[in-house]
Amino acid sequence: MSYYYVQALARALPGAHVLLEIAITGESGREFDNHVDALVFNDHELVVAEFKVSWAPSHWVHLARDLERLRGPVAKQIRTGFAVRGRRAFIFLGTDCWHRGGADAWKAGTKFGKWILPESMHTSERDYLCVYPDKGRDFDGYYLTWALIPFREMAA
């Protein structure tokens, strides 16, 4: 799933460069988290991206933890080790789901069963795309969902 997101981000940014599995330091709260999934950048934009599969409601909570980690210690490291002046910087959180109700809840910030969008993600720009519309016993399509957040901490 992350491959498709990275490809889309790279195509959206003319002349983009992509760095994968960028080493960083710090703790995620779930063990030692020593990387950022992707940095996609050109002369004008920088996107720091994290991806999670989300077949369980707790995975949305893990994305919220990633968001806090990216806003805190990771932002400082990227600012220190990567020239960001003049670039618009963003955090991109990509995930997936197997239910239209989950995708709708992701976009609207509403509840779907036990799936609740964490409060810290409510101000993000969120959307989804159905990439597999088939239905089965435990699914009603396959949806790529994402959130885009201005990386204000990068500008400081």
Protein backbone atom coordinates (compact mmCIF):
# COMPACT_ATOMS: atom_id res chain seq x y z
CA MET A 1 0.00 0.00 0.00
CA SER A 2 2.76 2.49 0.88
CA TYR A 3 4.36 1.94 -2.53
CA TYR A 4 1.25 3.32 -4.25
CA TYR A 5 1.10 6.33 -1.97
CA VAL A 6 4.78 7.13 -2.51
CA GLN A 7 4.35 6.80 -6.27
CA ALA A 8 1.35 9.16 -6.23
CA LEU A 9 3.18 11.72 -4.08
CA ALA A 10 6.26 11.59 -6.31
CA ARG A 11 4.12 12.13 -9.41
CA ALA A 12 2.26 15.02 -7.77
CA LEU A 13 5.50 16.91 -7.04
CA PRO A 14 7.33 17.79 -10.28
CA GLY A 15 10.98 16.77 -10.11
CA ALA A 16 10.45 14.93 -6.83
CA HIS A 17 13.08 12.93 -5.01
CA VAL A 18 12.12 10.10 -2.68
CA LEU A 19 13.97 8.83 0.36
CA LEU A 20 12.57 5.72 2.06
CA GLU A 21 13.00 4.46 5.63
CA ILE A 22 14.79 7.59 6.84
CA ALA A 23 16.71 6.89 10.04
CA ILE A 24 15.76 9.05 13.02
CA THR A 25 15.97 8.67 16.78
CA GLY A 26 13.29 8.85 19.42
CA GLU A 27 10.62 6.74 21.00
CA SER A 28 7.16 6.14 19.60
CA GLY A 29 5.58 4.83 22.79
CA ARG A 30 5.26 1.38 21.22
CA GLU A 31 8.97 0.47 21.22
CA PHE A 32 11.86 2.31 19.71
CA ASP A 33 10.78 3.83 16.40
CA ASN A 34 13.88 4.59 14.39
CA HIS A 35 12.61 5.69 11.00
CA VAL A 36 10.20 7.77 8.93
CA ASP A 37 8.59 5.79 6.12
CA ALA A 38 9.25 8.32 3.35
CA LEU A 39 10.46 11.81 2.56
CA VAL A 40 9.20 13.06 -0.81
CA PHE A 41 10.53 16.45 -1.85
CA ASN A 42 11.36 18.84 -4.65
CA ASP A 43 12.59 22.44 -4.63
CA HIS A 44 9.22 23.74 -3.41
CA GLU A 45 7.58 21.06 -1.21
CA LEU A 46 8.57 18.50 1.38
CA VAL A 47 6.28 15.66 2.45
CA VAL A 48 7.10 13.53 5.49
CA ALA A 49 5.01 10.36 5.16
CA GLU A 50 3.98 7.54 7.47
CA PHE A 51 1.84 4.57 6.47
CA LYS A 52 -0.12 1.97 8.41
CA VAL A 53 -2.43 -0.86 7.50
CA SER A 54 -5.61 -0.39 9.49
CA TRP A 55 -7.44 -3.65 9.86
CA ALA A 56 -8.01 -2.86 13.56
CA PRO A 57 -9.39 0.30 15.23
CA SER A 58 -6.17 0.66 17.25
CA HIS A 59 -4.24 1.41 14.06
CA TRP A 60 -5.90 4.82 13.80
CA VAL A 61 -4.54 5.49 17.30
CA HIS A 62 -1.09 4.41 16.09
CA LEU A 63 -1.33 6.95 13.26
CA ALA A 64 -2.19 9.65 15.80
CA ARG A 65 0.95 8.67 17.75
CA ASP A 66 2.95 8.94 14.53
CA LEU A 67 1.49 12.39 13.97
CA GLU A 68 2.60 13.54 17.44
CA ARG A 69 6.04 12.00 16.91
CA LEU A 70 6.36 13.77 13.55
CA ARG A 71 5.33 17.10 15.09
CA GLY A 72 7.83 16.76 17.92
CA PRO A 73 11.26 15.12 17.93
CA VAL A 74 11.20 14.11 14.27
CA ALA A 75 10.48 17.68 13.12
CA LYS A 76 13.55 18.89 14.98
CA GLN A 77 15.75 16.24 13.40
CA ILE A 78 14.50 16.90 9.90
CA ARG A 79 14.93 20.64 10.40
CA THR A 80 18.49 20.03 11.60
CA GLY A 81 19.50 17.53 8.93
CA PHE A 82 17.50 18.64 5.90
CA ALA A 83 17.32 22.04 4.22
CA VAL A 84 13.64 23.05 4.42
CA ARG A 85 13.87 26.79 3.81
CA GLY A 86 11.54 27.93 1.11
CA ARG A 87 9.77 24.58 0.97
CA ARG A 88 6.14 24.11 1.96
CA ALA A 89 6.24 21.17 4.34
CA PHE A 90 3.50 18.62 5.02
CA ILE A 91 2.85 15.47 6.99
CA PHE A 92 1.08 12.75 5.00
CA LEU A 93 -0.55 9.84 6.82
CA GLY A 94 -1.71 7.01 4.59
CA THR A 95 -3.75 3.99 5.56
CA ASP A 96 -6.37 1.65 4.19
CA CYS A 97 -9.70 0.10 5.12
CA TRP A 98 -12.11 -2.55 3.87
CA HIS A 99 -15.43 -0.84 4.61
CA ARG A 100 -17.08 2.20 3.03
CA GLY A 101 -18.39 3.18 6.47
CA GLY A 102 -14.82 3.29 7.77
CA ALA A 103 -13.68 5.40 4.83
CA ASP A 104 -16.61 7.78 5.33
CA ALA A 105 -15.86 8.02 9.07
CA TRP A 106 -12.19 8.73 8.30
CA LYS A 107 -13.12 11.59 5.98
CA ALA A 108 -15.90 13.08 8.13
CA GLY A 109 -14.27 12.50 11.53
CA THR A 110 -17.28 10.51 12.72
CA LYS A 111 -17.52 7.13 14.43
CA PHE A 112 -17.90 3.79 12.61
CA GLY A 113 -18.36 0.94 15.06
CA LYS A 114 -15.21 0.95 17.22
CA TRP A 115 -13.37 3.10 14.67
CA ILE A 116 -13.00 6.63 16.04
CA LEU A 117 -10.75 9.23 14.44
CA PRO A 118 -8.32 10.53 17.10
CA GLU A 119 -8.92 14.14 18.12
CA SER A 120 -5.42 15.21 17.03
CA MET A 121 -6.31 14.34 13.44
CA HIS A 122 -9.57 16.31 13.22
CA THR A 123 -7.92 19.42 11.76
CA SER A 124 -6.21 17.47 8.96
CA GLU A 125 -7.43 17.38 5.38
CA ARG A 126 -8.71 13.81 4.94
CA ASP A 127 -10.12 11.87 2.03
CA TYR A 128 -10.25 8.41 0.48
CA LEU A 129 -10.40 6.57 -2.82
CA CYS A 130 -12.10 3.25 -3.48
CA VAL A 131 -9.57 1.16 -5.40
CA TYR A 132 -11.42 -2.18 -5.27
CA PRO A 133 -15.22 -1.92 -5.32
CA ASP A 134 -16.00 -5.64 -4.92
CA LYS A 135 -17.95 -6.96 -1.92
CA GLY A 136 -17.40 -10.03 0.20
CA ARG A 137 -18.37 -11.55 3.51
CA ASP A 138 -16.10 -9.27 5.56
CA PHE A 139 -15.62 -6.27 3.26
CA ASP A 140 -17.46 -3.94 0.92
CA GLY A 141 -14.52 -2.59 -1.06
CA TYR A 142 -10.92 -1.63 -0.50
CA TYR A 143 -10.21 2.04 0.24
CA LEU A 144 -7.03 4.04 0.45
CA THR A 145 -7.47 6.74 3.08
CA TRP A 146 -5.15 9.64 3.83
CA ALA A 147 -4.63 12.76 5.87
CA LEU A 148 -2.58 15.81 4.93
CA ILE A 149 -1.39 18.17 7.65
CA PRO A 150 0.71 21.34 7.20
CA PHE A 151 4.04 20.75 8.90
CA ARG A 152 4.10 24.11 10.69
CA GLU A 153 6.82 22.92 13.03
CA MET A 154 9.12 22.62 10.01
CA ALA A 155 8.85 26.33 9.29
CA ALA A 156 10.02 27.37 12.76
